[in-house]
C-alpha atoms as a PDB file:
ATOM      1  CA  MET A   1     144.810 113.846  76.319  1.00  0.00           C
ATOM      2  CA  CYS A   2     143.716 117.183  74.906  1.00  0.00           C
ATOM      3  CA  GLU A   3     140.425 116.706  73.175  1.00  0.00           C
ATOM      4  CA  ALA A   4     136.864 117.693  73.924  1.00  0.00           C
ATOM      5  CA  ALA A   5     134.624 115.367  75.926  1.00  0.00           C
ATOM      6  CA  PRO A   6     130.918 114.827  75.207  1.00  0.00           C
ATOM      7  CA  LEU A   7     128.768 117.723  76.395  1.00  0.00           C
ATOM      8  CA  GLN A   8     127.785 117.234  80.038  1.00  0.00           C
ATOM      9  CA  TYR A   9     127.189 120.796  81.237  1.00  0.00           C
ATOM     10  CA  PRO A  10     124.957 122.648  78.761  1.00  0.00           C
ATOM     11  CA  GLU A  11     124.155 126.314  79.284  1.00  0.00           C
ATOM     12  CA  GLU A  12     120.999 125.555  81.280  1.00  0.00           C
ATOM     13  CA  THR A  13     122.886 123.335  83.738  1.00  0.00           C
ATOM     14  CA  VAL A  14     125.604 125.943  84.221  1.00  0.00           C
ATOM     15  CA  ALA A  15     122.980 128.625  84.869  1.00  0.00           C
ATOM     16  CA  ARG A  16     121.200 126.671  87.598  1.00  0.00           C
ATOM     17  CA  LEU A  17     124.449 125.671  89.304  1.00  0.00           C
ATOM     18  CA  GLU A  18     125.528 129.318  89.372  1.00  0.00           C
ATOM     19  CA  MET A  19     122.098 130.294  90.685  1.00  0.00           C
ATOM     20  CA  LEU A  20     122.669 128.006  93.655  1.00  0.00           C
ATOM     21  CA  TRP A  21     126.378 128.542  94.401  1.00  0.00           C
ATOM     22  CA  GLY A  22     127.274 131.896  92.854  1.00  0.00           C
ATOM     23  CA  LYS A  23     128.712 133.258  89.622  1.00  0.00           C
ATOM     24  CA  GLY A  24     131.507 131.104  88.298  1.00  0.00           C
ATOM     25  CA  PHE A  25     130.830 128.133  90.580  1.00  0.00           C
ATOM     26  CA  MET A  26     129.593 124.771  89.367  1.00  0.00           C
ATOM     27  CA  SER A  27     130.251 122.633  92.439  1.00  0.00           C
ATOM     28  CA  VAL A  28     129.080 122.554  96.027  1.00  0.00           C
ATOM     29  CA  GLY A  29     129.550 125.492  98.348  1.00  0.00           C
ATOM     30  CA  GLY A  30     130.933 128.233  96.139  1.00  0.00           C
ATOM     31  CA  PRO A  31     133.561 130.600  97.565  1.00  0.00           C
ATOM     32  CA  GLU A  32     132.980 129.489 101.160  1.00  0.00           C
ATOM     33  CA  GLU A  33     133.860 125.909 100.290  1.00  0.00           C
ATOM     34  CA  VAL A  34     137.046 127.014  98.516  1.00  0.00           C
ATOM     35  CA  SER A  35     138.106 128.790 101.716  1.00  0.00           C
ATOM     36  CA  ALA A  36     137.354 125.639 103.731  1.00  0.00           C
ATOM     37  CA  ILE A  37     139.421 123.471 101.378  1.00  0.00           C
ATOM     38  CA  LEU A  38     142.339 125.911 101.633  1.00  0.00           C
ATOM     39  CA  ASP A  39     142.121 126.487 105.380  1.00  0.00           C
ATOM     40  CA  GLY A  40     145.657 127.126 106.646  1.00  0.00           C
ATOM     41  CA  VAL A  41     147.223 127.000 103.157  1.00  0.00           C
ATOM     42  CA  ASN A  42     149.168 129.994 101.823  1.00  0.00           C
ATOM     43  CA  LEU A  43     149.065 130.252  98.024  1.00  0.00           C
ATOM     44  CA  LYS A  44     150.823 133.606  97.825  1.00  0.00           C
ATOM     45  CA  ASN A  45     153.041 133.825  94.718  1.00  0.00           C
ATOM     46  CA  LEU A  46     152.514 130.153  93.885  1.00  0.00           C
ATOM     47  CA  ASN A  47     151.648 128.717  90.460  1.00  0.00           C
ATOM     48  CA  VAL A  48     148.532 126.541  90.606  1.00  0.00           C
ATOM     49  CA  LEU A  49     147.096 123.918  88.274  1.00  0.00           C
ATOM     50  CA  ASP A  50     143.312 123.471  88.650  1.00  0.00           C
ATOM     51  CA  ILE A  51     142.034 120.133  87.341  1.00  0.00           C
ATOM     52  CA  GLY A  52     138.371 120.428  86.362  1.00  0.00           C
ATOM     53  CA  CYS A  53     138.116 124.212  86.404  1.00  0.00           C
ATOM     54  CA  GLY A  54     134.701 124.566  84.773  1.00  0.00           C
ATOM     55  CA  ILE A  55     134.055 128.227  84.001  1.00  0.00           C
ATOM     56  CA  GLY A  56     136.853 129.464  86.227  1.00  0.00           C
ATOM     57  CA  GLY A  57     135.157 130.879  89.294  1.00  0.00           C
ATOM     58  CA  VAL A  58     137.536 129.004  91.588  1.00  0.00           C
ATOM     59  CA  ASP A  59     140.557 130.145  89.579  1.00  0.00           C
ATOM     60  CA  PHE A  60     139.673 133.817  89.810  1.00  0.00           C
ATOM     61  CA  LEU A  61     139.242 133.390  93.556  1.00  0.00           C
ATOM     62  CA  LEU A  62     142.616 131.649  93.958  1.00  0.00           C
ATOM     63  CA  VAL A  63     144.298 134.688  92.416  1.00  0.00           C
ATOM     64  CA  SER A  64     142.202 137.578  93.723  1.00  0.00           C
ATOM     65  CA  GLU A  65     141.577 136.394  97.302  1.00  0.00           C
ATOM     66  CA  HIS A  66     144.149 133.681  97.999  1.00  0.00           C
ATOM     67  CA  GLY A  67     147.205 135.302  96.422  1.00  0.00           C
ATOM     68  CA  ALA A  68     148.171 132.742  93.762  1.00  0.00           C
ATOM     69  CA  ALA A  69     150.591 134.132  91.195  1.00  0.00           C
ATOM     70  CA  SER A  70     148.899 132.249  88.358  1.00  0.00           C
ATOM     71  CA  VAL A  71     146.331 129.529  87.735  1.00  0.00           C
ATOM     72  CA  LEU A  72     146.037 127.242  84.730  1.00  0.00           C
ATOM     73  CA  GLY A  73     142.600 125.667  84.568  1.00  0.00           C
ATOM     74  CA  LEU A  74     142.010 122.368  82.776  1.00  0.00           C
ATOM     75  CA  ASP A  75     138.614 121.182  81.638  1.00  0.00           C
ATOM     76  CA  VAL A  76     136.985 118.949  79.061  1.00  0.00           C
ATOM     77  CA  GLU A  77     134.287 121.175  77.535  1.00  0.00           C
ATOM     78  CA  PRO A  78     135.308 123.961  75.134  1.00  0.00           C
ATOM     79  CA  HIS A  79     132.261 126.124  75.806  1.00  0.00           C
ATOM     80  CA  LEU A  80     133.036 126.218  79.544  1.00  0.00           C
ATOM     81  CA  LEU A  81     136.617 127.303  78.872  1.00  0.00           C
ATOM     82  CA  GLU A  82     135.511 129.960  76.407  1.00  0.00           C
ATOM     83  CA  LEU A  83     133.173 131.423  79.011  1.00  0.00           C
ATOM     84  CA  GLY A  84     136.031 131.323  81.523  1.00  0.00           C
ATOM     85  CA  ARG A  85     138.306 133.214  79.135  1.00  0.00           C
ATOM     86  CA  GLU A  86     135.629 135.857  78.536  1.00  0.00           C
ATOM     87  CA  ARG A  87     135.176 136.356  82.268  1.00  0.00           C
ATOM     88  CA  ALA A  88     138.929 136.451  82.878  1.00  0.00           C
ATOM     89  CA  ALA A  89     139.211 139.239  80.317  1.00  0.00           C
ATOM     90  CA  THR A  90     136.326 141.157  81.884  1.00  0.00           C
ATOM     91  CA  ALA A  91     137.955 140.854  85.312  1.00  0.00           C
ATOM     92  CA  GLY A  92     141.374 141.896  83.991  1.00  0.00           C
ATOM     93  CA  LEU A  93     142.863 138.526  84.968  1.00  0.00           C
ATOM     94  CA  SER A  94     143.773 137.092  81.564  1.00  0.00           C
ATOM     95  CA  ASP A  95     147.496 137.305  82.323  1.00  0.00           C
ATOM     96  CA  GLN A  96     147.128 135.331  85.546  1.00  0.00           C
ATOM     97  CA  VAL A  97     144.289 132.909  84.815  1.00  0.00           C
ATOM     98  CA  THR A  98     144.554 130.812  81.653  1.00  0.00           C
ATOM     99  CA  PHE A  99     142.729 127.745  80.404  1.00  0.00           C
ATOM    100  CA  LEU A 100     143.559 124.556  78.525  1.00  0.00           C
ATOM    101  CA  LEU A 101     141.282 121.930  77.003  1.00  0.00           C
ATOM    102  CA  CYS A 102     142.259 118.482  78.317  1.00  0.00           C
ATOM    103  CA  ALA A 103     139.960 115.501  78.708  1.00  0.00           C
ATOM    104  CA  SER A 104     142.142 113.212  80.803  1.00  0.00           C
ATOM    105  CA  PRO A 105     145.705 112.619  81.979  1.00  0.00           C
ATOM    106  CA  PRO A 106     148.504 112.517  81.043  1.00  0.00           C
ATOM    107  CA  TYR A 107     148.434 116.283  80.611  1.00  0.00           C
ATOM    108  CA  PRO A 108     150.750 118.125  78.175  1.00  0.00           C
ATOM    109  CA  LEU A 109     152.555 120.004  80.931  1.00  0.00           C
ATOM    110  CA  GLY A 110     156.184 120.048  81.940  1.00  0.00           C
ATOM    111  CA  ASP A 111     157.704 118.040  84.762  1.00  0.00           C
ATOM    112  CA  ARG A 112     157.969 119.922  88.054  1.00  0.00           C
ATOM    113  CA  SER A 113     156.167 122.927  86.586  1.00  0.00           C
ATOM    114  CA  PHE A 114     153.617 123.780  89.322  1.00  0.00           C
ATOM    115  CA  ASP A 115     153.729 124.494  93.047  1.00  0.00           C
ATOM    116  CA  VAL A 116     150.170 123.315  93.704  1.00  0.00           C
ATOM    117  CA  VAL A 117     147.713 120.980  92.009  1.00  0.00           C
ATOM    118  CA  PHE A 118     144.151 121.832  93.035  1.00  0.00           C
ATOM    119  CA  SER A 119     140.846 120.191  92.216  1.00  0.00           C
ATOM    120  CA  LYS A 120     137.299 120.744  93.439  1.00  0.00           C
ATOM    121  CA  GLY A 121     134.638 118.176  92.658  1.00  0.00           C
ATOM    122  CA  ALA A 122     136.298 116.879  89.494  1.00  0.00           C
ATOM    123  CA  ILE A 123     138.293 113.760  90.368  1.00  0.00           C
ATOM    124  CA  LEU A 124     135.226 111.533  90.197  1.00  0.00           C
ATOM    125  CA  HIS A 125     134.909 112.526  86.525  1.00  0.00           C
ATOM    126  CA  ILE A 126     138.291 110.860  85.847  1.00  0.00           C
ATOM    127  CA  PRO A 127     138.106 107.040  85.634  1.00  0.00           C
ATOM    128  CA  ASP A 128     141.849 106.301  85.919  1.00  0.00           C
ATOM    129  CA  LYS A 129     142.678 107.657  89.365  1.00  0.00           C
ATOM    130  CA  ALA A 130     146.123 106.023  89.428  1.00  0.00           C
ATOM    131  CA  LEU A 131     147.171 107.768  86.217  1.00  0.00           C
ATOM    132  CA  LEU A 132     145.801 111.063  87.519  1.00  0.00           C
ATOM    133  CA  PHE A 133     147.941 110.926  90.662  1.00  0.00           C
ATOM    134  CA  TYR A 134     151.068 109.784  88.847  1.00  0.00           C
ATOM    135  CA  ASP A 135     150.689 112.702  86.456  1.00  0.00           C
ATOM    136  CA  ALA A 136     149.969 115.160  89.275  1.00  0.00           C
ATOM    137  CA  ALA A 137     153.149 113.998  91.031  1.00  0.00           C
ATOM    138  CA  ARG A 138     155.101 114.430  87.811  1.00  0.00           C
ATOM    139  CA  ILE A 139     153.795 117.952  87.283  1.00  0.00           C
ATOM    140  CA  LEU A 140     154.394 119.107  90.864  1.00  0.00           C
ATOM    141  CA  LYS A 141     157.696 120.447  92.100  1.00  0.00           C
ATOM    142  CA  PRO A 142     159.314 118.476  94.949  1.00  0.00           C
ATOM    143  CA  GLY A 143     157.473 119.411  98.114  1.00  0.00           C
ATOM    144  CA  GLY A 144     154.533 120.699  96.093  1.00  0.00           C
ATOM    145  CA  LEU A 145     150.984 120.371  97.391  1.00  0.00           C
ATOM    146  CA  PHE A 146     148.019 118.409  96.129  1.00  0.00           C
ATOM    147  CA  ILE A 147     144.827 119.972  97.497  1.00  0.00           C
ATOM    148  CA  ALA A 148     141.372 118.770  96.561  1.00  0.00           C
ATOM    149  CA  SER A 149     137.797 118.202  97.542  1.00  0.00           C
ATOM    150  CA  ASP A 150     135.906 115.351  95.992  1.00  0.00           C
ATOM    151  CA  TRP A 151     133.125 112.809  96.355  1.00  0.00           C
ATOM    152  CA  LEU A 152     134.422 109.393  97.388  1.00  0.00           C
ATOM    153  CA  ARG A 153     132.604 106.100  97.811  1.00  0.00           C
ATOM    154  CA  GLY A 154     130.978 105.816 101.217  1.00  0.00           C
ATOM    155  CA  GLY A 155     130.299 102.764 103.328  1.00  0.00           C
ATOM    156  CA  ALA A 156     132.333  99.571 103.271  1.00  0.00           C
ATOM    157  CA  SER A 157     132.087  98.863  99.549  1.00  0.00           C
ATOM    158  CA  ILE A 158     135.178  97.949  97.570  1.00  0.00           C
ATOM    159  CA  GLY A 159     135.952  99.303  94.118  1.00  0.00           C
ATOM    160  CA  ASP A 160     134.550 102.159  92.084  1.00  0.00           C
ATOM    161  CA  ILE A 161     130.846 102.901  91.986  1.00  0.00           C
ATOM    162  CA  LYS A 162     129.130 104.552  89.047  1.00  0.00           C
ATOM    163  CA  ILE A 163     126.779 107.310  90.166  1.00  0.00           C
ATOM    164  CA  GLU A 164     124.147 108.337  87.635  1.00  0.00           C
ATOM    165  CA  ASN A 165     122.324 111.673  87.571  1.00  0.00           C
ATOM    166  CA  PHE A 166     124.263 113.091  90.498  1.00  0.00           C
ATOM    167  CA  GLY A 167     123.761 116.859  90.552  1.00  0.00           C
ATOM    168  CA  ALA A 168     123.253 117.053  86.794  1.00  0.00           C
ATOM    169  CA  SER A 169     121.010 114.840  84.713  1.00  0.00           C
ATOM    170  CA  GLY A 170     122.755 112.412  82.397  1.00  0.00           C
ATOM    171  CA  ILE A 171     126.181 112.580  84.053  1.00  0.00           C
ATOM    172  CA  ILE A 172     127.769 109.328  85.207  1.00  0.00           C
ATOM    173  CA  LEU A 173     130.523 109.614  87.798  1.00  0.00           C
ATOM    174  CA  GLU A 174     132.969 107.140  89.300  1.00  0.00           C
ATOM    175  CA  ALA A 175     133.638 107.365  93.030  1.00  0.00           C
ATOM    176  CA  THR A 176     136.447 105.457  94.766  1.00  0.00           C
ATOM    177  CA  PRO A 177     136.581 104.348  98.426  1.00  0.00           C
ATOM    178  CA  PRO A 178     138.895 106.474 100.592  1.00  0.00           C
ATOM    179  CA  HIS A 179     141.398 103.693 101.250  1.00  0.00           C
ATOM    180  CA  GLU A 180     141.784 103.022  97.529  1.00  0.00           C
ATOM    181  CA  MET A 181     142.229 106.729  96.812  1.00  0.00           C
ATOM    182  CA  GLU A 182     144.915 106.964  99.489  1.00  0.00           C
ATOM    183  CA  LYS A 183     146.716 103.910  98.115  1.00  0.00           C
ATOM    184  CA  ALA A 184     146.720 105.379  94.597  1.00  0.00           C
ATOM    185  CA  MET A 185     148.257 108.565  95.974  1.00  0.00           C
ATOM    186  CA  ARG A 186     150.932 106.725  97.949  1.00  0.00           C
ATOM    187  CA  ASP A 187     151.793 104.574  94.950  1.00  0.00           C
ATOM    188  CA  ALA A 188     152.275 107.774  92.936  1.00  0.00           C
ATOM    189  CA  GLY A 189     154.778 109.088  95.487  1.00  0.00           C
ATOM    190  CA  PHE A 190     152.653 111.381  97.628  1.00  0.00           C
ATOM    191  CA  THR A 191     153.328 111.663 101.358  1.00  0.00           C
ATOM    192  CA  SER A 192     151.645 113.328 104.346  1.00  0.00           C
ATOM    193  CA  ILE A 193     148.261 112.361 102.973  1.00  0.00           C
ATOM    194  CA  VAL A 194     145.325 113.713 104.976  1.00  0.00           C
ATOM    195  CA  MET A 195     141.757 112.823 104.023  1.00  0.00           C
ATOM    196  CA  THR A 196     139.001 114.524 106.019  1.00  0.00           C
ATOM    197  CA  ASP A 197     135.426 113.273 105.823  1.00  0.00           C
ATOM    198  CA  GLN A 198     133.017 116.165 105.161  1.00  0.00           C
ATOM    199  CA  THR A 199     129.787 114.158 104.941  1.00  0.00           C
ATOM    200  CA  ASP A 200     127.972 115.717 107.896  1.00  0.00           C
ATOM    201  CA  ARG A 201     128.812 119.256 106.800  1.00  0.00           C
ATOM    202  CA  TYR A 202     127.830 118.550 103.193  1.00  0.00           C
ATOM    203  CA  LEU A 203     124.573 116.949 104.297  1.00  0.00           C
ATOM    204  CA  ASP A 204     123.653 120.073 106.241  1.00  0.00           C
ATOM    205  CA  GLY A 205     124.561 122.204 103.227  1.00  0.00           C
ATOM    206  CA  ALA A 206     122.599 120.002 100.809  1.00  0.00           C
ATOM    207  CA  ARG A 207     119.512 120.329 102.968  1.00  0.00           C
ATOM    208  CA  ARG A 208     119.919 124.109 103.105  1.00  0.00           C
ATOM    209  CA  ASP A 209     120.368 124.211  99.328  1.00  0.00           C
ATOM    210  CA  LEU A 210     117.168 122.186  98.884  1.00  0.00           C
ATOM    211  CA  GLU A 211     115.260 124.642 101.055  1.00  0.00           C
ATOM    212  CA  LYS A 212     116.609 127.546  98.982  1.00  0.00           C
ATOM    213  CA  MET A 213     115.556 125.779  95.795  1.00  0.00           C
ATOM    214  CA  LYS A 214     112.044 125.272  97.170  1.00  0.00           C
ATOM    215  CA  GLY A 215     111.867 128.763  98.656  1.00  0.00           C
ATOM    216  CA  PRO A 216     113.797 131.906  97.599  1.00  0.00           C
ATOM    217  CA  LEU A 217     115.005 130.436  94.285  1.00  0.00           C
ATOM    218  CA  ARG A 218     111.742 128.796  93.257  1.00  0.00           C
ATOM    219  CA  ASP A 219     110.238 131.515  91.079  1.00  0.00           C
ATOM    220  CA  LEU A 220     113.513 132.300  89.311  1.00  0.00           C
ATOM    221  CA  ALA A 221     114.257 128.610  88.776  1.00  0.00           C
ATOM    222  CA  GLN A 222     110.802 127.881  87.376  1.00  0.00           C
ATOM    223  CA  LYS A 223     111.127 130.826  85.019  1.00  0.00           C
ATOM    224  CA  MET A 224     114.565 129.691  83.886  1.00  0.00           C
ATOM    225  CA  LEU A 225     113.956 125.929  83.743  1.00  0.00           C
ATOM    226  CA  GLY A 226     110.222 125.619  83.221  1.00  0.00           C
ATOM    227  CA  ALA A 227     107.953 123.634  85.520  1.00  0.00           C
ATOM    228  CA  GLU A 228     109.249 120.212  84.459  1.00  0.00           C
ATOM    229  CA  GLY A 229     112.885 121.279  84.540  1.00  0.00           C
ATOM    230  CA  TYR A 230     112.411 122.736  87.999  1.00  0.00           C
ATOM    231  CA  GLU A 231     110.902 119.507  89.314  1.00  0.00           C
ATOM    232  CA  ASP A 232     113.780 117.535  87.796  1.00  0.00           C
ATOM    233  CA  TRP A 233     116.236 119.829  89.580  1.00  0.00           C
ATOM    234  CA  ILE A 234     114.455 119.299  92.895  1.00  0.00           C
ATOM    235  CA  ALA A 235     114.517 115.531  92.352  1.00  0.00           C
ATOM    236  CA  LEU A 236     118.278 115.600  91.708  1.00  0.00           C
ATOM    237  CA  GLN A 237     118.874 117.527  94.929  1.00  0.00           C
ATOM    238  CA  VAL A 238     116.638 115.184  96.913  1.00  0.00           C
ATOM    239  CA  GLY A 239     118.761 112.337  95.554  1.00  0.00           C
ATOM    240  CA  THR A 240     121.925 114.083  96.727  1.00  0.00           C
ATOM    241  CA  VAL A 241     120.487 114.526 100.232  1.00  0.00           C
ATOM    242  CA  GLU A 242     119.454 110.867 100.330  1.00  0.00           C
ATOM    243  CA  ARG A 243     122.889 109.635  99.213  1.00  0.00           C
ATOM    244  CA  LEU A 244     124.607 111.779 101.828  1.00  0.00           C
ATOM    245  CA  ALA A 245     122.206 110.705 104.576  1.00  0.00           C
ATOM    246  CA  ALA A 246     122.790 107.054 103.652  1.00  0.00           C
ATOM    247  CA  ARG A 247     126.555 107.707 103.451  1.00  0.00           C
ATOM    248  CA  SER A 248     126.769 105.975 100.099  1.00  0.00           C
ATOM    249  CA  VAL A 249     128.930 108.932  99.071  1.00  0.00           C
ATOM    250  CA  GLN A 250     131.603 110.610 101.178  1.00  0.00           C
ATOM    251  CA  PRO A 251     132.640 114.159 100.298  1.00  0.00           C
ATOM    252  CA  THR A 252     136.235 114.456 101.415  1.00  0.00           C
ATOM    253  CA  HIS A 253     138.942 117.108 101.662  1.00  0.00           C
ATOM    254  CA  ILE A 254     142.292 115.753 100.491  1.00  0.00           C
ATOM    255  CA  ARG A 255     145.795 117.096 101.093  1.00  0.00           C
ATOM    256  CA  ALA A 256     149.155 115.565 100.268  1.00  0.00           C
ATOM    257  CA  THR A 257     152.756 116.487  99.531  1.00  0.00           C
ATOM    258  CA  ARG A 258     154.810 115.401  96.571  1.00  0.00           C
ATOM    259  CA  GLY A 259     157.759 113.463  97.943  1.00  0.00           C
END
């Protein structure tokens, strides 16, 4: 479904996320987390679809450091994609990294057209997980890889949970328990599914990020966001630390093969 979604990441939000995780990165961990997600995976000369690409920092990295032949990034906000295109042109990567506005699956892409489907921190934005995985399986070549990192529902709860104001004020996200995510993937035809809980590592990182926000980044953040905006940002990060410590959310690395 290729139409714009309501604005969720205004310029100010993008700026503070980049301040924390690096230019081009709007989700936890920046380049280091991309390397962790791809540990042991060789993308050389492969064509990659990135679902939820934001402003393209991950996509540039997949090409320049991980050897992907091309990356098509999908996202829901036109202004993010326009910024991505501008940065691709500046980096001389416009031929390898392209962008497409799409709010939700099914995506207007050919069957068996990609070697890898990648996603970092975007699946919980998509309510219909079953449709997402069926479409990913359709788009992937036989034997193709699904590689992702996302926030799942922690604890023993059943069903989706709506998470409000998680990382960015006003955004509502839907997290699914790991066993339900795995079932949706199996039903779509994926095999060799591996889901690795990253909660402890993310909790350590969230605490370090909070200390940076209170310390080295404080003056810059207050100048950029104003006193009230800065305090709101701190409160959001405190909420993230609390959710991770309580294990109500479970950041997870996900790998699977299209059967």
